[in-house]
Amino acid sequence: MYFKGEHLFKREIDLEKLKSLERELSTRLNAEGVPVDDNCRIKMSDSEDIRLTEKLKKEWEERGGEKIKKDGEQFEILKTIIFNKFLSRNFLVVRASLYDDIRNKVDNVILDKDTGSLVCAVDEVASISGKEFEDKKQRVLARNTKEGGGKLKYGLRTENGKIKLEKTEHFPLFYLALPPDRIKEAINKMEPTFDEKTDYEKRLFSYFLSSINSQIKDLKLYPHLDQTLKTSISFFESAFQKFEK
């Protein structure tokens, strides 16, 4: 049990560890030619989009303080780091541009390094049950089954070994949920390096895989999905089965 001052100090240490890993990941991604900013977000190229999102970001911070102190932002960074710890050999995992986060409700994008194609995206929700969770579940399901999957203004693809920005659509969108107390526990128990993984991180990654695989099974019950979406789902299912072995 912490005294009040000790608890706040511990929280600051945890958040700094999270930001340190995020900065290290940003450096690694940029070294690979991935156009991301210091927050591992895909960089925007349209000046109007940049002005709009900066305006909205400033309004959020004025209403609620620094965004890093919010559970949703912590979870976005956390899952970006966890996915990179376990998937970086085969996949490129980054945060969506702020434009696509706001407009297209996408948090993370995952690109297959072998094919150069964007294969899926991930959204987040803090609750693991209740109305917020059920609403998110139904919205994501509708986007996959009725709208042909997700879309991005700032998607990624590789061409001749170089990573380029590209409008992308018809890829599967999945959601991941983790309550605030588990987010904080995960941050606390993370190794402050990409070269080592704790048992807790392994269990968390397994939980993410299990959640995505469950959603894939649900989607396969719908026979009239967009063909491009179906291809991405099948590919991703096969790839994830490999990681579970």
C-alpha atoms as a PDB file:
ATOM      1  CA  MET A   1       0.000   0.000   0.000  1.00  0.00           C
ATOM      2  CA  TYR A   2       1.338   3.423  -0.986  1.00  0.00           C
ATOM      3  CA  PHE A   3       1.204   6.644   0.907  1.00  0.00           C
ATOM      4  CA  LYS A   4      -0.320   9.358  -1.261  1.00  0.00           C
ATOM      5  CA  GLY A   5       3.023  10.902  -2.194  1.00  0.00           C
ATOM      6  CA  GLU A   6       4.593   7.514  -2.914  1.00  0.00           C
ATOM      7  CA  HIS A   7       1.680   6.547  -5.166  1.00  0.00           C
ATOM      8  CA  LEU A   8       2.034   9.706  -7.239  1.00  0.00           C
ATOM      9  CA  PHE A   9       5.789   9.214  -7.509  1.00  0.00           C
ATOM     10  CA  LYS A  10       5.291   5.620  -8.642  1.00  0.00           C
ATOM     11  CA  ARG A  11       2.770   6.759 -11.256  1.00  0.00           C
ATOM     12  CA  GLU A  12       5.282   9.280 -12.642  1.00  0.00           C
ATOM     13  CA  ILE A  13       7.933   6.545 -12.918  1.00  0.00           C
ATOM     14  CA  ASP A  14       5.528   4.258 -14.774  1.00  0.00           C
ATOM     15  CA  LEU A  15       4.507   6.933 -17.268  1.00  0.00           C
ATOM     16  CA  GLU A  16       8.114   7.897 -17.915  1.00  0.00           C
ATOM     17  CA  LYS A  17       8.935   4.247 -18.631  1.00  0.00           C
ATOM     18  CA  LEU A  18       6.045   4.140 -21.089  1.00  0.00           C
ATOM     19  CA  LYS A  19       7.157   7.340 -22.817  1.00  0.00           C
ATOM     20  CA  SER A  20      10.782   6.168 -22.889  1.00  0.00           C
ATOM     21  CA  LEU A  21       9.777   2.966 -24.688  1.00  0.00           C
ATOM     22  CA  GLU A  22       7.626   5.010 -27.064  1.00  0.00           C
ATOM     23  CA  ARG A  23      10.569   7.301 -27.880  1.00  0.00           C
ATOM     24  CA  GLU A  24      12.847   4.311 -28.449  1.00  0.00           C
ATOM     25  CA  LEU A  25      10.267   2.718 -30.735  1.00  0.00           C
ATOM     26  CA  SER A  26       9.857   5.958 -32.696  1.00  0.00           C
ATOM     27  CA  THR A  27      13.617   6.072 -33.246  1.00  0.00           C
ATOM     28  CA  ARG A  28      13.662   2.455 -34.423  1.00  0.00           C
ATOM     29  CA  LEU A  29      10.753   2.989 -36.804  1.00  0.00           C
ATOM     30  CA  ASN A  30      12.266   6.122 -38.305  1.00  0.00           C
ATOM     31  CA  ALA A  31      15.524   4.220 -38.838  1.00  0.00           C
ATOM     32  CA  GLU A  32      13.496   1.709 -40.888  1.00  0.00           C
ATOM     33  CA  GLY A  33      12.096   4.540 -43.002  1.00  0.00           C
ATOM     34  CA  VAL A  34       8.674   4.551 -41.369  1.00  0.00           C
ATOM     35  CA  PRO A  35       7.174   8.083 -41.382  1.00  0.00           C
ATOM     36  CA  VAL A  36       6.133   8.386 -37.737  1.00  0.00           C
ATOM     37  CA  ASP A  37       6.417  11.193 -35.186  1.00  0.00           C
ATOM     38  CA  ASP A  38       7.740  10.995 -31.628  1.00  0.00           C
ATOM     39  CA  ASN A  39       4.451   9.368 -30.542  1.00  0.00           C
ATOM     40  CA  CYS A  40       4.803   6.575 -33.135  1.00  0.00           C
ATOM     41  CA  ARG A  41       1.918   8.071 -35.099  1.00  0.00           C
ATOM     42  CA  ILE A  42       1.929   8.083 -38.898  1.00  0.00           C
ATOM     43  CA  LYS A  43       2.837  11.573 -40.035  1.00  0.00           C
ATOM     44  CA  MET A  44       0.240  13.571 -41.947  1.00  0.00           C
ATOM     45  CA  SER A  45       1.160  15.228 -45.248  1.00  0.00           C
ATOM     46  CA  ASP A  46      -1.853  17.510 -45.750  1.00  0.00           C
ATOM     47  CA  SER A  47      -1.322  20.909 -44.072  1.00  0.00           C
ATOM     48  CA  GLU A  48      -5.070  21.354 -43.557  1.00  0.00           C
ATOM     49  CA  ASP A  49      -5.281  18.042 -41.695  1.00  0.00           C
ATOM     50  CA  ILE A  50      -2.321  19.055 -39.534  1.00  0.00           C
ATOM     51  CA  ARG A  51      -3.945  22.377 -38.599  1.00  0.00           C
ATOM     52  CA  LEU A  52      -7.282  20.722 -37.840  1.00  0.00           C
ATOM     53  CA  THR A  53      -5.873  17.970 -35.648  1.00  0.00           C
ATOM     54  CA  GLU A  54      -3.557  20.337 -33.782  1.00  0.00           C
ATOM     55  CA  LYS A  55      -6.562  22.537 -33.009  1.00  0.00           C
ATOM     56  CA  LEU A  56      -8.549  19.553 -31.707  1.00  0.00           C
ATOM     57  CA  LYS A  57      -5.571  18.263 -29.736  1.00  0.00           C
ATOM     58  CA  LYS A  58      -5.148  21.648 -28.054  1.00  0.00           C
ATOM     59  CA  GLU A  59      -8.841  21.720 -27.129  1.00  0.00           C
ATOM     60  CA  TRP A  60      -8.587  18.226 -25.592  1.00  0.00           C
ATOM     61  CA  GLU A  61      -5.571  19.207 -23.525  1.00  0.00           C
ATOM     62  CA  GLU A  62      -7.276  22.386 -22.314  1.00  0.00           C
ATOM     63  CA  ARG A  63     -10.300  20.369 -21.199  1.00  0.00           C
ATOM     64  CA  GLY A  64      -8.509  17.419 -19.642  1.00  0.00           C
ATOM     65  CA  GLY A  65      -4.851  18.146 -19.105  1.00  0.00           C
ATOM     66  CA  GLU A  66      -1.998  16.192 -20.642  1.00  0.00           C
ATOM     67  CA  LYS A  67      -3.305  13.366 -22.769  1.00  0.00           C
ATOM     68  CA  ILE A  68      -0.695  10.905 -21.498  1.00  0.00           C
ATOM     69  CA  LYS A  69      -2.446  10.956 -18.119  1.00  0.00           C
ATOM     70  CA  LYS A  70      -5.612   9.508 -19.671  1.00  0.00           C
ATOM     71  CA  ASP A  71      -6.245   5.764 -19.688  1.00  0.00           C
ATOM     72  CA  GLY A  72      -7.085   5.619 -23.399  1.00  0.00           C
ATOM     73  CA  GLU A  73      -3.816   7.271 -24.417  1.00  0.00           C
ATOM     74  CA  GLN A  74      -1.839   5.000 -22.088  1.00  0.00           C
ATOM     75  CA  PHE A  75      -3.544   1.941 -23.568  1.00  0.00           C
ATOM     76  CA  GLU A  76      -2.766   3.077 -27.134  1.00  0.00           C
ATOM     77  CA  ILE A  77       0.918   3.393 -26.303  1.00  0.00           C
ATOM     78  CA  LEU A  78       0.918   0.171 -24.265  1.00  0.00           C
ATOM     79  CA  LYS A  79      -0.512  -2.029 -27.020  1.00  0.00           C
ATOM     80  CA  THR A  80       1.734  -0.415 -29.628  1.00  0.00           C
ATOM     81  CA  ILE A  81       4.748  -1.397 -27.520  1.00  0.00           C
ATOM     82  CA  ILE A  82       3.458  -4.898 -26.746  1.00  0.00           C
ATOM     83  CA  PHE A  83       2.685  -5.637 -30.392  1.00  0.00           C
ATOM     84  CA  ASN A  84       6.132  -4.435 -31.419  1.00  0.00           C
ATOM     85  CA  LYS A  85       7.813  -6.584 -28.790  1.00  0.00           C
ATOM     86  CA  PHE A  86       6.175  -9.704 -30.191  1.00  0.00           C
ATOM     87  CA  LEU A  87       5.367  -8.970 -33.854  1.00  0.00           C
ATOM     88  CA  SER A  88       8.125  -6.689 -35.141  1.00  0.00           C
ATOM     89  CA  ARG A  89       9.975  -9.466 -36.974  1.00  0.00           C
ATOM     90  CA  ASN A  90       7.037 -10.032 -39.330  1.00  0.00           C
ATOM     91  CA  PHE A  91       4.827  -6.980 -38.961  1.00  0.00           C
ATOM     92  CA  LEU A  92       5.098  -3.234 -38.768  1.00  0.00           C
ATOM     93  CA  VAL A  93       2.850  -1.900 -35.992  1.00  0.00           C
ATOM     94  CA  VAL A  94       2.366   1.849 -35.589  1.00  0.00           C
ATOM     95  CA  ARG A  95      -0.226   4.264 -34.279  1.00  0.00           C
ATOM     96  CA  ALA A  96      -2.605   5.733 -36.827  1.00  0.00           C
ATOM     97  CA  SER A  97      -2.269   9.388 -37.743  1.00  0.00           C
ATOM     98  CA  LEU A  98      -4.150  11.731 -35.461  1.00  0.00           C
ATOM     99  CA  TYR A  99      -6.457  12.490 -38.397  1.00  0.00           C
ATOM    100  CA  ASP A 100      -7.416   8.822 -38.776  1.00  0.00           C
ATOM    101  CA  ASP A 101      -7.687   8.403 -35.017  1.00  0.00           C
ATOM    102  CA  ILE A 102     -10.263  11.197 -34.947  1.00  0.00           C
ATOM    103  CA  ARG A 103     -12.023  10.796 -38.298  1.00  0.00           C
ATOM    104  CA  ASN A 104     -11.814   7.065 -38.969  1.00  0.00           C
ATOM    105  CA  LYS A 105     -11.677   5.733 -35.395  1.00  0.00           C
ATOM    106  CA  VAL A 106      -8.488   3.719 -35.841  1.00  0.00           C
ATOM    107  CA  ASP A 107      -5.781   3.557 -33.180  1.00  0.00           C
ATOM    108  CA  ASN A 108      -3.181   1.163 -34.584  1.00  0.00           C
ATOM    109  CA  VAL A 109      -2.374  -0.177 -38.037  1.00  0.00           C
ATOM    110  CA  ILE A 110      -0.523  -3.400 -38.776  1.00  0.00           C
ATOM    111  CA  LEU A 111       1.385  -3.917 -42.024  1.00  0.00           C
ATOM    112  CA  ASP A 112       2.807  -7.245 -43.167  1.00  0.00           C
ATOM    113  CA  LYS A 113       6.501  -6.846 -43.973  1.00  0.00           C
ATOM    114  CA  ASP A 114       6.568  -9.703 -46.500  1.00  0.00           C
ATOM    115  CA  THR A 115       3.666  -8.567 -48.697  1.00  0.00           C
ATOM    116  CA  GLY A 116       3.938  -4.845 -47.983  1.00  0.00           C
ATOM    117  CA  SER A 117       0.192  -4.680 -47.428  1.00  0.00           C
ATOM    118  CA  LEU A 118      -1.749  -3.244 -44.530  1.00  0.00           C
ATOM    119  CA  VAL A 119      -3.569  -6.242 -43.066  1.00  0.00           C
ATOM    120  CA  CYS A 120      -5.608  -4.912 -40.160  1.00  0.00           C
ATOM    121  CA  ALA A 121      -6.223  -2.095 -37.728  1.00  0.00           C
ATOM    122  CA  VAL A 122      -7.007  -2.008 -34.026  1.00  0.00           C
ATOM    123  CA  ASP A 123      -9.312   0.245 -32.031  1.00  0.00           C
ATOM    124  CA  GLU A 124      -9.521   0.372 -28.246  1.00  0.00           C
ATOM    125  CA  VAL A 125     -12.083   0.548 -25.498  1.00  0.00           C
ATOM    126  CA  ALA A 126     -11.360   0.882 -21.790  1.00  0.00           C
ATOM    127  CA  SER A 127     -14.266  -1.238 -20.543  1.00  0.00           C
ATOM    128  CA  ILE A 128     -14.413  -5.021 -20.916  1.00  0.00           C
ATOM    129  CA  SER A 129     -18.154  -5.191 -20.272  1.00  0.00           C
ATOM    130  CA  GLY A 130     -21.195  -2.978 -20.043  1.00  0.00           C
ATOM    131  CA  LYS A 131     -22.764  -0.501 -22.457  1.00  0.00           C
ATOM    132  CA  GLU A 132     -19.525   1.153 -23.630  1.00  0.00           C
ATOM    133  CA  PHE A 133     -18.033  -2.225 -24.523  1.00  0.00           C
ATOM    134  CA  GLU A 134     -21.190  -3.475 -26.275  1.00  0.00           C
ATOM    135  CA  ASP A 135     -21.513  -0.227 -28.248  1.00  0.00           C
ATOM    136  CA  LYS A 136     -17.917  -0.486 -29.428  1.00  0.00           C
ATOM    137  CA  LYS A 137     -18.373  -4.140 -30.324  1.00  0.00           C
ATOM    138  CA  GLN A 138     -21.453  -3.408 -32.452  1.00  0.00           C
ATOM    139  CA  ARG A 139     -19.853  -0.385 -34.167  1.00  0.00           C
ATOM    140  CA  VAL A 140     -16.753  -2.365 -35.137  1.00  0.00           C
ATOM    141  CA  LEU A 141     -18.854  -5.314 -36.322  1.00  0.00           C
ATOM    142  CA  ALA A 142     -20.999  -3.006 -38.485  1.00  0.00           C
ATOM    143  CA  ARG A 143     -17.927  -1.399 -40.028  1.00  0.00           C
ATOM    144  CA  ASN A 144     -16.559  -4.820 -40.964  1.00  0.00           C
ATOM    145  CA  THR A 145     -19.778  -6.413 -42.185  1.00  0.00           C
ATOM    146  CA  LYS A 146     -21.686  -3.463 -43.675  1.00  0.00           C
ATOM    147  CA  GLU A 147     -18.992  -0.969 -44.672  1.00  0.00           C
ATOM    148  CA  GLY A 148     -16.382  -3.384 -45.997  1.00  0.00           C
ATOM    149  CA  GLY A 149     -13.919  -2.852 -43.155  1.00  0.00           C
ATOM    150  CA  GLY A 150     -11.820   0.075 -42.038  1.00  0.00           C
ATOM    151  CA  LYS A 151     -10.384   2.947 -44.048  1.00  0.00           C
ATOM    152  CA  LEU A 152      -7.439   5.297 -43.622  1.00  0.00           C
ATOM    153  CA  LYS A 153      -6.439   8.515 -45.296  1.00  0.00           C
ATOM    154  CA  TYR A 154      -2.889   7.885 -44.101  1.00  0.00           C
ATOM    155  CA  GLY A 155      -2.350   4.182 -44.574  1.00  0.00           C
ATOM    156  CA  LEU A 156       0.961   2.496 -45.314  1.00  0.00           C
ATOM    157  CA  ARG A 157       2.344   0.197 -47.974  1.00  0.00           C
ATOM    158  CA  THR A 158       5.812  -0.845 -49.098  1.00  0.00           C
ATOM    159  CA  GLU A 159       7.069  -0.465 -52.649  1.00  0.00           C
ATOM    160  CA  ASN A 160      10.538  -1.569 -53.720  1.00  0.00           C
ATOM    161  CA  GLY A 161      11.537  -1.803 -50.093  1.00  0.00           C
ATOM    162  CA  LYS A 162      10.380   1.726 -49.261  1.00  0.00           C
ATOM    163  CA  ILE A 163       7.439   2.593 -47.030  1.00  0.00           C
ATOM    164  CA  LYS A 164       4.926   5.030 -48.495  1.00  0.00           C
ATOM    165  CA  LEU A 165       1.734   6.731 -47.397  1.00  0.00           C
ATOM    166  CA  GLU A 166      -1.395   5.572 -49.167  1.00  0.00           C
ATOM    167  CA  LYS A 167      -5.148   5.824 -48.742  1.00  0.00           C
ATOM    168  CA  THR A 168      -6.249   2.355 -47.692  1.00  0.00           C
ATOM    169  CA  GLU A 169      -9.586   0.626 -47.186  1.00  0.00           C
ATOM    170  CA  HIS A 170     -11.236  -2.783 -46.878  1.00  0.00           C
ATOM    171  CA  PHE A 171      -9.053  -4.133 -44.101  1.00  0.00           C
ATOM    172  CA  PRO A 172     -10.403  -5.817 -40.932  1.00  0.00           C
ATOM    173  CA  LEU A 173     -10.847  -3.704 -37.853  1.00  0.00           C
ATOM    174  CA  PHE A 174     -10.557  -5.295 -34.419  1.00  0.00           C
ATOM    175  CA  TYR A 175     -11.083  -3.883 -30.946  1.00  0.00           C
ATOM    176  CA  LEU A 176      -9.126  -4.557 -27.768  1.00  0.00           C
ATOM    177  CA  ALA A 177     -10.318  -3.822 -24.257  1.00  0.00           C
ATOM    178  CA  LEU A 178      -8.433  -3.425 -21.005  1.00  0.00           C
ATOM    179  CA  PRO A 179      -9.771  -1.762 -17.851  1.00  0.00           C
ATOM    180  CA  PRO A 180      -7.794   1.103 -16.255  1.00  0.00           C
ATOM    181  CA  ASP A 181      -6.420  -0.927 -13.338  1.00  0.00           C
ATOM    182  CA  ARG A 182      -5.015  -3.554 -15.734  1.00  0.00           C
ATOM    183  CA  ILE A 183      -3.505  -0.835 -17.933  1.00  0.00           C
ATOM    184  CA  LYS A 184      -1.595   0.543 -14.968  1.00  0.00           C
ATOM    185  CA  GLU A 185      -0.539  -2.921 -13.817  1.00  0.00           C
ATOM    186  CA  ALA A 186       0.738  -3.743 -17.306  1.00  0.00           C
ATOM    187  CA  ILE A 187       2.768  -0.520 -17.452  1.00  0.00           C
ATOM    188  CA  ASN A 188       4.222  -1.265 -14.027  1.00  0.00           C
ATOM    189  CA  LYS A 189       5.231  -4.808 -15.006  1.00  0.00           C
ATOM    190  CA  MET A 190       6.673  -4.041 -18.448  1.00  0.00           C
ATOM    191  CA  GLU A 191      10.382  -4.479 -19.071  1.00  0.00           C
ATOM    192  CA  PRO A 192      11.868  -1.071 -19.959  1.00  0.00           C
ATOM    193  CA  THR A 193      13.523  -2.571 -23.058  1.00  0.00           C
ATOM    194  CA  PHE A 194      12.421  -4.204 -26.312  1.00  0.00           C
ATOM    195  CA  ASP A 195      14.975  -6.976 -25.898  1.00  0.00           C
ATOM    196  CA  GLU A 196      13.271  -8.624 -22.903  1.00  0.00           C
ATOM    197  CA  LYS A 197       9.715  -9.723 -22.209  1.00  0.00           C
ATOM    198  CA  THR A 198       8.161 -10.475 -18.829  1.00  0.00           C
ATOM    199  CA  ASP A 199       5.719 -13.311 -18.209  1.00  0.00           C
ATOM    200  CA  TYR A 200       3.068 -10.650 -17.668  1.00  0.00           C
ATOM    201  CA  GLU A 201       3.774  -9.189 -21.120  1.00  0.00           C
ATOM    202  CA  LYS A 202       3.490 -12.660 -22.641  1.00  0.00           C
ATOM    203  CA  ARG A 203       0.127 -13.204 -20.964  1.00  0.00           C
ATOM    204  CA  LEU A 204      -1.076  -9.786 -22.107  1.00  0.00           C
ATOM    205  CA  PHE A 205      -0.028 -10.484 -25.704  1.00  0.00           C
ATOM    206  CA  SER A 206      -1.772 -13.872 -25.529  1.00  0.00           C
ATOM    207  CA  TYR A 207      -4.914 -12.094 -24.293  1.00  0.00           C
ATOM    208  CA  PHE A 208      -4.753  -9.709 -27.258  1.00  0.00           C
ATOM    209  CA  LEU A 209      -4.351 -12.640 -29.669  1.00  0.00           C
ATOM    210  CA  SER A 210      -7.250 -14.501 -28.094  1.00  0.00           C
ATOM    211  CA  SER A 211      -9.509 -11.460 -28.401  1.00  0.00           C
ATOM    212  CA  ILE A 212      -8.620 -10.914 -32.071  1.00  0.00           C
ATOM    213  CA  ASN A 213      -9.001 -14.601 -32.920  1.00  0.00           C
ATOM    214  CA  SER A 214     -12.453 -14.622 -31.312  1.00  0.00           C
ATOM    215  CA  GLN A 215     -13.475 -11.663 -33.477  1.00  0.00           C
ATOM    216  CA  ILE A 216     -12.090 -13.382 -36.586  1.00  0.00           C
ATOM    217  CA  LYS A 217     -14.262 -16.431 -35.867  1.00  0.00           C
ATOM    218  CA  ASP A 218     -17.297 -14.181 -35.521  1.00  0.00           C
ATOM    219  CA  LEU A 219     -16.569 -12.432 -38.830  1.00  0.00           C
ATOM    220  CA  LYS A 220     -16.206 -15.750 -40.671  1.00  0.00           C
ATOM    221  CA  LEU A 221     -19.865 -16.415 -39.908  1.00  0.00           C
ATOM    222  CA  TYR A 222     -20.783 -13.624 -42.355  1.00  0.00           C
ATOM    223  CA  PRO A 223     -20.706 -15.066 -45.913  1.00  0.00           C
ATOM    224  CA  HIS A 224     -20.984 -11.782 -47.832  1.00  0.00           C
ATOM    225  CA  LEU A 225     -17.969  -9.859 -46.587  1.00  0.00           C
ATOM    226  CA  ASP A 226     -15.955  -7.691 -48.970  1.00  0.00           C
ATOM    227  CA  GLN A 227     -13.492  -9.980 -50.812  1.00  0.00           C
ATOM    228  CA  THR A 228     -10.417  -7.891 -49.959  1.00  0.00           C
ATOM    229  CA  LEU A 229     -11.517  -7.897 -46.338  1.00  0.00           C
ATOM    230  CA  LYS A 230     -11.954 -11.689 -46.381  1.00  0.00           C
ATOM    231  CA  THR A 231      -8.471 -12.163 -47.821  1.00  0.00           C
ATOM    232  CA  SER A 232      -6.911 -10.015 -45.096  1.00  0.00           C
ATOM    233  CA  ILE A 233      -8.838 -11.865 -42.390  1.00  0.00           C
ATOM    234  CA  SER A 234      -7.662 -15.267 -43.667  1.00  0.00           C
ATOM    235  CA  PHE A 235      -4.071 -14.098 -43.916  1.00  0.00           C
ATOM    236  CA  PHE A 236      -4.086 -12.586 -40.456  1.00  0.00           C
ATOM    237  CA  GLU A 237      -5.699 -15.669 -38.940  1.00  0.00           C
ATOM    238  CA  SER A 238      -2.932 -17.877 -40.348  1.00  0.00           C
ATOM    239  CA  ALA A 239      -0.230 -15.508 -39.162  1.00  0.00           C
ATOM    240  CA  PHE A 240      -1.621 -15.309 -35.647  1.00  0.00           C
ATOM    241  CA  GLN A 241      -1.890 -19.078 -35.361  1.00  0.00           C
ATOM    242  CA  LYS A 242       1.865 -19.169 -35.909  1.00  0.00           C
ATOM    243  CA  PHE A 243       2.437 -16.798 -32.989  1.00  0.00           C
ATOM    244  CA  GLU A 244       0.320 -18.927 -30.688  1.00  0.00           C
ATOM    245  CA  LYS A 245       2.465 -22.029 -31.198  1.00  0.00           C
END
